[in-house]
PDB file of N, CA and C in Angstrom:
ATOM      1  N   MET A   1      -1.691-111.986 -71.569  1.00  0.00           N
ATOM      2  CA  MET A   1      -0.716-111.080 -72.229  1.00  0.00           C
ATOM      3  C   MET A   1      -0.895-111.271 -73.426  1.00  0.00           C
ATOM      4  N   PHE A   2      -0.631-112.326 -74.396  1.00  0.00           N
ATOM      5  CA  PHE A   2      -1.017-112.293 -75.716  1.00  0.00           C
ATOM      6  C   PHE A   2      -1.912-111.522 -76.348  1.00  0.00           C
ATOM      7  N   LYS A   3      -3.102-111.364 -75.889  1.00  0.00           N
ATOM      8  CA  LYS A   3      -4.236-110.647 -76.064  1.00  0.00           C
ATOM      9  C   LYS A   3      -3.884-109.163 -76.540  1.00  0.00           C
ATOM     10  N   ARG A   4      -3.575-109.090 -74.989  1.00  0.00           N
ATOM     11  CA  ARG A   4      -3.196-107.597 -75.189  1.00  0.00           C
ATOM     12  C   ARG A   4      -2.088-106.886 -76.702  1.00  0.00           C
ATOM     13  N   VAL A   5      -0.831-107.739 -76.639  1.00  0.00           N
ATOM     14  CA  VAL A   5      -0.086-107.401 -77.840  1.00  0.00           C
ATOM     15  C   VAL A   5      -0.976-107.754 -78.904  1.00  0.00           C
ATOM     16  N   PHE A   6      -1.873-108.839 -79.154  1.00  0.00           N
ATOM     17  CA  PHE A   6      -2.520-108.713 -80.427  1.00  0.00           C
ATOM     18  C   PHE A   6      -3.381-107.126 -80.567  1.00  0.00           C
ATOM     19  N   TRP A   7      -4.218-106.761 -79.727  1.00  0.00           N
ATOM     20  CA  TRP A   7      -4.881-105.639 -79.798  1.00  0.00           C
ATOM     21  C   TRP A   7      -3.974-104.348 -79.965  1.00  0.00           C
ATOM     22  N   VAL A   8      -2.932-104.333 -79.393  1.00  0.00           N
ATOM     23  CA  VAL A   8      -2.339-103.239 -79.749  1.00  0.00           C
ATOM     24  C   VAL A   8      -1.467-103.221 -81.085  1.00  0.00           C
ATOM     25  N   ALA A   9      -1.181-104.610 -81.420  1.00  0.00           N
ATOM     26  CA  ALA A   9      -0.748-104.722 -82.990  1.00  0.00           C
ATOM     27  C   ALA A   9      -1.809-104.483 -83.907  1.00  0.00           C
ATOM     28  N   THR A  10      -3.112-104.879 -83.336  1.00  0.00           N
ATOM     29  CA  THR A  10      -4.102-104.398 -84.452  1.00  0.00           C
ATOM     30  C   THR A  10      -4.396-103.132 -84.809  1.00  0.00           C
ATOM     31  N   GLY A  11      -4.504-102.307 -83.186  1.00  0.00           N
ATOM     32  CA  GLY A  11      -4.848-101.004 -83.511  1.00  0.00           C
ATOM     33  C   GLY A  11      -3.831-100.272 -84.235  1.00  0.00           C
ATOM     34  N   MET A  12      -2.640-100.641 -84.113  1.00  0.00           N
ATOM     35  CA  MET A  12      -1.556-100.142 -84.660  1.00  0.00           C
ATOM     36  C   MET A  12      -1.556-100.186 -86.375  1.00  0.00           C
ATOM     37  N   VAL A  13      -1.998-101.301 -86.776  1.00  0.00           N
ATOM     38  CA  VAL A  13      -1.777-101.729 -88.353  1.00  0.00           C
ATOM     39  C   VAL A  13      -3.044-100.842 -88.421  1.00  0.00           C
ATOM     40  N   LEU A  14      -4.428-101.111 -88.101  1.00  0.00           N
ATOM     41  CA  LEU A  14      -5.554-100.286 -88.165  1.00  0.00           C
ATOM     42  C   LEU A  14      -5.149 -98.686 -88.366  1.00  0.00           C
ATOM     43  N   GLY A  15      -4.142 -97.948 -87.583  1.00  0.00           N
ATOM     44  CA  GLY A  15      -4.029 -96.901 -87.542  1.00  0.00           C
ATOM     45  C   GLY A  15      -3.082 -96.493 -88.806  1.00  0.00           C
ATOM     46  N   VAL A  16      -2.205 -97.342 -89.033  1.00  0.00           N
ATOM     47  CA  VAL A  16      -1.668 -96.737 -90.165  1.00  0.00           C
ATOM     48  C   VAL A  16      -2.395 -97.144 -91.560  1.00  0.00           C
ATOM     49  N   LEU A  17      -3.353 -98.113 -91.704  1.00  0.00           N
ATOM     50  CA  LEU A  17      -4.283 -98.055 -92.999  1.00  0.00           C
ATOM     51  C   LEU A  17      -5.171 -96.856 -92.675  1.00  0.00           C
ATOM     52  N   ALA A  18      -5.420 -96.322 -91.663  1.00  0.00           N
ATOM     53  CA  ALA A  18      -6.584 -95.116 -91.928  1.00  0.00           C
ATOM     54  C   ALA A  18      -5.544 -93.675 -92.180  1.00  0.00           C
ATOM     55  N   VAL A  19      -4.465 -93.765 -91.701  1.00  0.00           N
ATOM     56  CA  VAL A  19      -3.718 -92.344 -91.975  1.00  0.00           C
ATOM     57  C   VAL A  19      -3.472 -92.661 -93.561  1.00  0.00           C
ATOM     58  N   SER A  20      -3.089 -93.939 -94.027  1.00  0.00           N
ATOM     59  CA  SER A  20      -2.737 -94.123 -95.600  1.00  0.00           C
ATOM     60  C   SER A  20      -3.550 -93.808 -96.497  1.00  0.00           C
ATOM     61  N   LYS A  21      -5.083 -94.337 -95.929  1.00  0.00           N
ATOM     62  CA  LYS A  21      -6.143 -93.865 -96.680  1.00  0.00           C
ATOM     63  C   LYS A  21      -6.285 -92.523 -96.680  1.00  0.00           C
ATOM     64  N   ALA A  22      -6.475 -92.030 -95.401  1.00  0.00           N
ATOM     65  CA  ALA A  22      -6.922 -90.634 -95.342  1.00  0.00           C
ATOM     66  C   ALA A  22      -5.925 -89.627 -96.346  1.00  0.00           C
ATOM     67  N   THR A  23      -4.821 -89.904 -96.491  1.00  0.00           N
ATOM     68  CA  THR A  23      -3.456 -89.422 -97.074  1.00  0.00           C
ATOM     69  C   THR A  23      -3.639 -89.807 -98.649  1.00  0.00           C
ATOM     70  N   ALA A  24      -4.114 -90.657 -99.043  1.00  0.00           N
ATOM     71  CA  ALA A  24      -4.507 -90.661-100.361  1.00  0.00           C
ATOM     72  C   ALA A  24      -5.912 -90.087-101.012  1.00  0.00           C
ATOM     73  N   TYR A  25      -6.502 -89.998 -99.874  1.00  0.00           N
ATOM     74  CA  TYR A  25      -8.001 -88.926-100.412  1.00  0.00           C
ATOM     75  C   TYR A  25      -7.501 -87.756-100.539  1.00  0.00           C
ATOM     76  N   VAL A  26      -6.872 -87.214 -99.692  1.00  0.00           N
ATOM     77  CA  VAL A  26      -6.514 -86.128 -99.335  1.00  0.00           C
ATOM     78  C   VAL A  26      -5.393 -85.550-100.759  1.00  0.00           C
ATOM     79  N   ARG A  27      -4.435 -86.283-101.140  1.00  0.00           N
ATOM     80  CA  ARG A  27      -3.963 -86.273-102.615  1.00  0.00           C
ATOM     81  C   ARG A  27      -4.571 -86.230-103.905  1.00  0.00           C
ATOM     82  N   ALA A  28      -5.467 -87.188-103.479  1.00  0.00           N
ATOM     83  CA  ALA A  28      -6.410 -86.902-104.787  1.00  0.00           C
ATOM     84  C   ALA A  28      -7.681 -86.142-105.142  1.00  0.00           C
ATOM     85  N   ASN A  29      -7.786 -85.538-104.049  1.00  0.00           N
ATOM     86  CA  ASN A  29      -9.246 -84.697-104.159  1.00  0.00           C
ATOM     87  C   ASN A  29      -8.872 -83.202-103.604  1.00  0.00           C
ATOM     88  N   THR A  30      -7.823 -82.883-103.276  1.00  0.00           N
ATOM     89  CA  THR A  30      -7.518 -81.155-102.989  1.00  0.00           C
ATOM     90  C   THR A  30      -6.807 -80.735-103.904  1.00  0.00           C
ATOM     91  N   PRO A  31      -6.843 -79.591-104.228  1.00  0.00           N
ATOM     92  CA  PRO A  31      -5.851 -78.712-104.953  1.00  0.00           C
ATOM     93  C   PRO A  31      -4.519 -79.021-104.442  1.00  0.00           C
ATOM     94  N   ASP A  32      -3.270 -78.756-105.035  1.00  0.00           N
ATOM     95  CA  ASP A  32      -1.862 -78.696-104.528  1.00  0.00           C
ATOM     96  C   ASP A  32      -2.061 -77.544-103.451  1.00  0.00           C
ATOM     97  N   LYS A  33      -2.274 -76.354-103.544  1.00  0.00           N
ATOM     98  CA  LYS A  33      -2.052 -75.254-102.029  1.00  0.00           C
ATOM     99  C   LYS A  33      -2.735 -75.803-101.183  1.00  0.00           C
ATOM    100  N   ALA A  34      -3.848 -76.718-101.241  1.00  0.00           N
ATOM    101  CA  ALA A  34      -4.428 -77.181 -99.596  1.00  0.00           C
ATOM    102  C   ALA A  34      -4.086 -78.189 -99.626  1.00  0.00           C
ATOM    103  N   ARG A  35      -3.108 -79.237-100.218  1.00  0.00           N
ATOM    104  CA  ARG A  35      -2.442 -80.328-100.004  1.00  0.00           C
ATOM    105  C   ARG A  35      -1.013 -80.033 -99.401  1.00  0.00           C
ATOM    106  N   GLN A  36      -0.233 -78.743 -99.794  1.00  0.00           N
ATOM    107  CA  GLN A  36       0.918 -78.036 -99.384  1.00  0.00           C
ATOM    108  C   GLN A  36       0.554 -77.793 -97.986  1.00  0.00           C
ATOM    109  N   PHE A  37      -0.707 -77.206 -97.723  1.00  0.00           N
ATOM    110  CA  PHE A  37      -0.628 -76.762 -96.131  1.00  0.00           C
ATOM    111  C   PHE A  37      -1.301 -77.867 -95.579  1.00  0.00           C
ATOM    112  N   LEU A  38      -1.758 -78.806 -95.597  1.00  0.00           N
ATOM    113  CA  LEU A  38      -2.033 -80.134 -94.792  1.00  0.00           C
ATOM    114  C   LEU A  38      -0.795 -80.802 -94.667  1.00  0.00           C
ATOM    115  N   LEU A  39      -0.342 -81.156 -95.699  1.00  0.00           N
ATOM    116  CA  LEU A  39       0.808 -82.370 -95.616  1.00  0.00           C
ATOM    117  C   LEU A  39       2.182 -81.797 -95.577  1.00  0.00           C
ATOM    118  N   GLY A  40       2.260 -80.432 -96.022  1.00  0.00           N
ATOM    119  CA  GLY A  40       3.598 -79.846 -96.020  1.00  0.00           C
ATOM    120  C   GLY A  40       4.474 -79.876 -97.132  1.00  0.00           C
ATOM    121  N   PRO A  41       5.546 -79.034 -97.367  1.00  0.00           N
ATOM    122  CA  PRO A  41       5.838 -79.080 -98.812  1.00  0.00           C
ATOM    123  C   PRO A  41       6.641 -80.532 -99.288  1.00  0.00           C
ATOM    124  N   ASP A  42       7.107 -81.560 -98.263  1.00  0.00           N
ATOM    125  CA  ASP A  42       7.368 -82.841 -98.864  1.00  0.00           C
ATOM    126  C   ASP A  42       6.180 -83.868 -98.326  1.00  0.00           C
ATOM    127  N   GLN A  43       5.109 -83.776 -99.605  1.00  0.00           N
ATOM    128  CA  GLN A  43       4.250 -84.772 -99.232  1.00  0.00           C
ATOM    129  C   GLN A  43       4.647 -86.186 -99.758  1.00  0.00           C
ATOM    130  N   GLU A  44       5.462 -86.817-100.346  1.00  0.00           N
ATOM    131  CA  GLU A  44       6.087 -87.915-100.443  1.00  0.00           C
ATOM    132  C   GLU A  44       6.436 -88.443 -99.244  1.00  0.00           C
ATOM    133  N   ASN A  45       7.052 -87.611 -97.826  1.00  0.00           N
ATOM    134  CA  ASN A  45       7.258 -88.461 -96.773  1.00  0.00           C
ATOM    135  C   ASN A  45       6.387 -88.223 -95.824  1.00  0.00           C
ATOM    136  N   VAL A  46       5.064 -88.145 -95.927  1.00  0.00           N
ATOM    137  CA  VAL A  46       4.389 -87.729 -94.756  1.00  0.00           C
ATOM    138  C   VAL A  46       4.063 -88.899 -93.608  1.00  0.00           C
ATOM    139  N   GLY A  47       4.565 -90.140 -94.192  1.00  0.00           N
ATOM    140  CA  GLY A  47       4.339 -91.102 -93.409  1.00  0.00           C
ATOM    141  C   GLY A  47       5.859 -91.136 -92.369  1.00  0.00           C
ATOM    142  N   MET A  48       6.636 -91.179 -92.972  1.00  0.00           N
ATOM    143  CA  MET A  48       8.050 -91.306 -92.447  1.00  0.00           C
ATOM    144  C   MET A  48       8.421 -90.259 -91.456  1.00  0.00           C
ATOM    145  N   ARG A  49       7.577 -88.777 -91.597  1.00  0.00           N
ATOM    146  CA  ARG A  49       7.894 -87.756 -90.990  1.00  0.00           C
ATOM    147  C   ARG A  49       6.939 -87.877 -89.786  1.00  0.00           C
ATOM    148  N   THR A  50       5.603 -88.616 -89.730  1.00  0.00           N
ATOM    149  CA  THR A  50       4.728 -88.945 -88.813  1.00  0.00           C
ATOM    150  C   THR A  50       5.390 -89.992 -87.638  1.00  0.00           C
ATOM    151  N   LEU A  51       5.897 -90.966 -88.281  1.00  0.00           N
ATOM    152  CA  LEU A  51       6.525 -91.966 -87.470  1.00  0.00           C
ATOM    153  C   LEU A  51       7.718 -91.728 -86.857  1.00  0.00           C
ATOM    154  N   GLN A  52       8.625 -90.598 -87.141  1.00  0.00           N
ATOM    155  CA  GLN A  52       9.522 -90.398 -86.759  1.00  0.00           C
ATOM    156  C   GLN A  52       9.285 -89.322 -85.612  1.00  0.00           C
ATOM    157  N   GLY A  53       8.378 -88.352 -85.510  1.00  0.00           N
ATOM    158  CA  GLY A  53       7.556 -87.655 -84.714  1.00  0.00           C
ATOM    159  C   GLY A  53       7.212 -88.366 -83.492  1.00  0.00           C
ATOM    160  N   LEU A  54       6.577 -89.750 -83.844  1.00  0.00           N
ATOM    161  CA  LEU A  54       6.211 -90.521 -82.504  1.00  0.00           C
ATOM    162  C   LEU A  54       7.289 -91.283 -81.947  1.00  0.00           C
ATOM    163  N   ILE A  55       8.408 -91.605 -82.483  1.00  0.00           N
ATOM    164  CA  ILE A  55       9.464 -92.236 -82.132  1.00  0.00           C
ATOM    165  C   ILE A  55      10.285 -91.212 -81.062  1.00  0.00           C
ATOM    166  N   ASP A  56      10.232 -90.037 -81.605  1.00  0.00           N
ATOM    167  CA  ASP A  56      10.688 -89.087 -80.865  1.00  0.00           C
ATOM    168  C   ASP A  56       9.926 -88.218 -79.707  1.00  0.00           C
ATOM    169  N   GLN A  57       8.549 -88.270 -79.827  1.00  0.00           N
ATOM    170  CA  GLN A  57       7.823 -88.126 -78.110  1.00  0.00           C
ATOM    171  C   GLN A  57       8.103 -89.197 -77.772  1.00  0.00           C
ATOM    172  N   PHE A  58       8.092 -90.583 -78.220  1.00  0.00           N
ATOM    173  CA  PHE A  58       8.270 -91.520 -77.357  1.00  0.00           C
ATOM    174  C   PHE A  58       9.550 -91.771 -76.453  1.00  0.00           C
ATOM    175  N   ARG A  59      10.845 -91.121 -77.349  1.00  0.00           N
ATOM    176  CA  ARG A  59      11.475 -91.370 -76.546  1.00  0.00           C
ATOM    177  C   ARG A  59      11.743 -90.016 -75.548  1.00  0.00           C
ATOM    178  N   GLN A  60      11.217 -88.765 -75.485  1.00  0.00           N
ATOM    179  CA  GLN A  60      11.226 -88.127 -74.776  1.00  0.00           C
ATOM    180  C   GLN A  60      10.153 -88.200 -73.589  1.00  0.00           C
ATOM    181  N   ALA A  61       9.473 -89.009 -73.877  1.00  0.00           N
ATOM    182  CA  ALA A  61       8.557 -88.973 -72.567  1.00  0.00           C
ATOM    183  C   ALA A  61       9.273 -90.240 -71.705  1.00  0.00           C
ATOM    184  N   GLN A  62       9.798 -91.343 -72.450  1.00  0.00           N
ATOM    185  CA  GLN A  62      11.099 -92.232 -71.946  1.00  0.00           C
ATOM    186  C   GLN A  62      11.729 -91.835 -71.372  1.00  0.00           C
ATOM    187  N   GLN A  63      12.627 -90.773 -71.531  1.00  0.00           N
ATOM    188  CA  GLN A  63      13.550 -89.832 -70.854  1.00  0.00           C
ATOM    189  C   GLN A  63      13.119 -89.388 -69.519  1.00  0.00           C
ATOM    190  N   ALA A  64      12.177 -88.468 -69.691  1.00  0.00           N
ATOM    191  CA  ALA A  64      11.564 -87.782 -68.750  1.00  0.00           C
ATOM    192  C   ALA A  64      11.141 -88.733 -67.410  1.00  0.00           C
ATOM    193  N   ARG A  65      10.554 -89.981 -67.699  1.00  0.00           N
ATOM    194  CA  ARG A  65      10.051 -90.902 -66.845  1.00  0.00           C
ATOM    195  C   ARG A  65      11.127 -91.383 -65.847  1.00  0.00           C
ATOM    196  N   GLU A  66      12.219 -91.622 -66.674  1.00  0.00           N
ATOM    197  CA  GLU A  66      13.764 -92.292 -66.505  1.00  0.00           C
ATOM    198  C   GLU A  66      14.338 -91.351 -65.410  1.00  0.00           C
ATOM    199  N   GLU A  67      14.443 -90.025 -65.704  1.00  0.00           N
ATOM    200  CA  GLU A  67      14.582 -89.026 -65.002  1.00  0.00           C
ATOM    201  C   GLU A  67      14.199 -88.874 -63.409  1.00  0.00           C
ATOM    202  N   GLU A  68      12.852 -89.070 -63.702  1.00  0.00           N
ATOM    203  CA  GLU A  68      11.770 -88.861 -62.523  1.00  0.00           C
ATOM    204  C   GLU A  68      11.990 -89.791 -61.442  1.00  0.00           C
ATOM    205  N   LEU A  69      12.120 -91.161 -62.377  1.00  0.00           N
ATOM    206  CA  LEU A  69      12.622 -92.393 -61.280  1.00  0.00           C
ATOM    207  C   LEU A  69      13.658 -92.109 -60.661  1.00  0.00           C
ATOM    208  N   ASN A  70      14.781 -91.754 -61.538  1.00  0.00           N
ATOM    209  CA  ASN A  70      16.056 -91.393 -60.601  1.00  0.00           C
ATOM    210  C   ASN A  70      16.460 -90.689 -59.745  1.00  0.00           C
ATOM    211  N   ARG A  71      15.337 -89.630 -59.830  1.00  0.00           N
ATOM    212  CA  ARG A  71      15.416 -88.300 -58.768  1.00  0.00           C
ATOM    213  C   ARG A  71      14.407 -89.120 -57.410  1.00  0.00           C
ATOM    214  N   GLN A  72      13.523 -90.058 -57.788  1.00  0.00           N
ATOM    215  CA  GLN A  72      12.758 -90.963 -56.408  1.00  0.00           C
ATOM    216  C   GLN A  72      13.842 -91.648 -55.884  1.00  0.00           C
ATOM    217  N   TYR A  73      14.616 -92.213 -56.619  1.00  0.00           N
ATOM    218  CA  TYR A  73      15.267 -93.266 -55.979  1.00  0.00           C
ATOM    219  C   TYR A  73      16.759 -92.897 -55.262  1.00  0.00           C
ATOM    220  N   THR A  74      17.339 -91.910 -55.918  1.00  0.00           N
ATOM    221  CA  THR A  74      18.534 -90.909 -55.486  1.00  0.00           C
ATOM    222  C   THR A  74      17.707 -90.260 -54.021  1.00  0.00           C
ATOM    223  N   ALA A  75      16.703 -90.069 -53.969  1.00  0.00           N
ATOM    224  CA  ALA A  75      16.077 -89.072 -52.853  1.00  0.00           C
ATOM    225  C   ALA A  75      15.887 -90.482 -51.550  1.00  0.00           C
ATOM    226  N   ARG A  76      15.372 -91.338 -51.980  1.00  0.00           N
ATOM    227  CA  ARG A  76      15.530 -92.500 -50.959  1.00  0.00           C
ATOM    228  C   ARG A  76      16.448 -93.039 -50.499  1.00  0.00           C
ATOM    229  N   LEU A  77      17.951 -92.896 -51.265  1.00  0.00           N
ATOM    230  CA  LEU A  77      18.596 -93.733 -50.848  1.00  0.00           C
ATOM    231  C   LEU A  77      19.621 -92.340 -50.038  1.00  0.00           C
ATOM    232  N   SER A  78      19.290 -91.874 -50.298  1.00  0.00           N
ATOM    233  CA  SER A  78      20.241 -90.331 -49.741  1.00  0.00           C
ATOM    234  C   SER A  78      19.522 -90.083 -48.086  1.00  0.00           C
TER     235      SER A  78
END
């Protein structure tokens, strides 16, 4: 179990680093109009928006799965 947690955490850290490096490269080497197209008008909070989007998707999937399980168990008990 510890190995799995370690590798998941390592993957998350590497993902964050890759996104940070890619964002820095895009900021340094693209014109302003292209940056606005790629990163949106709020270029300073791209990381937070991405993280918020991931959290929202996780919560939606979690709620959908919970509803599915509740329907299954309710049907079994009826």
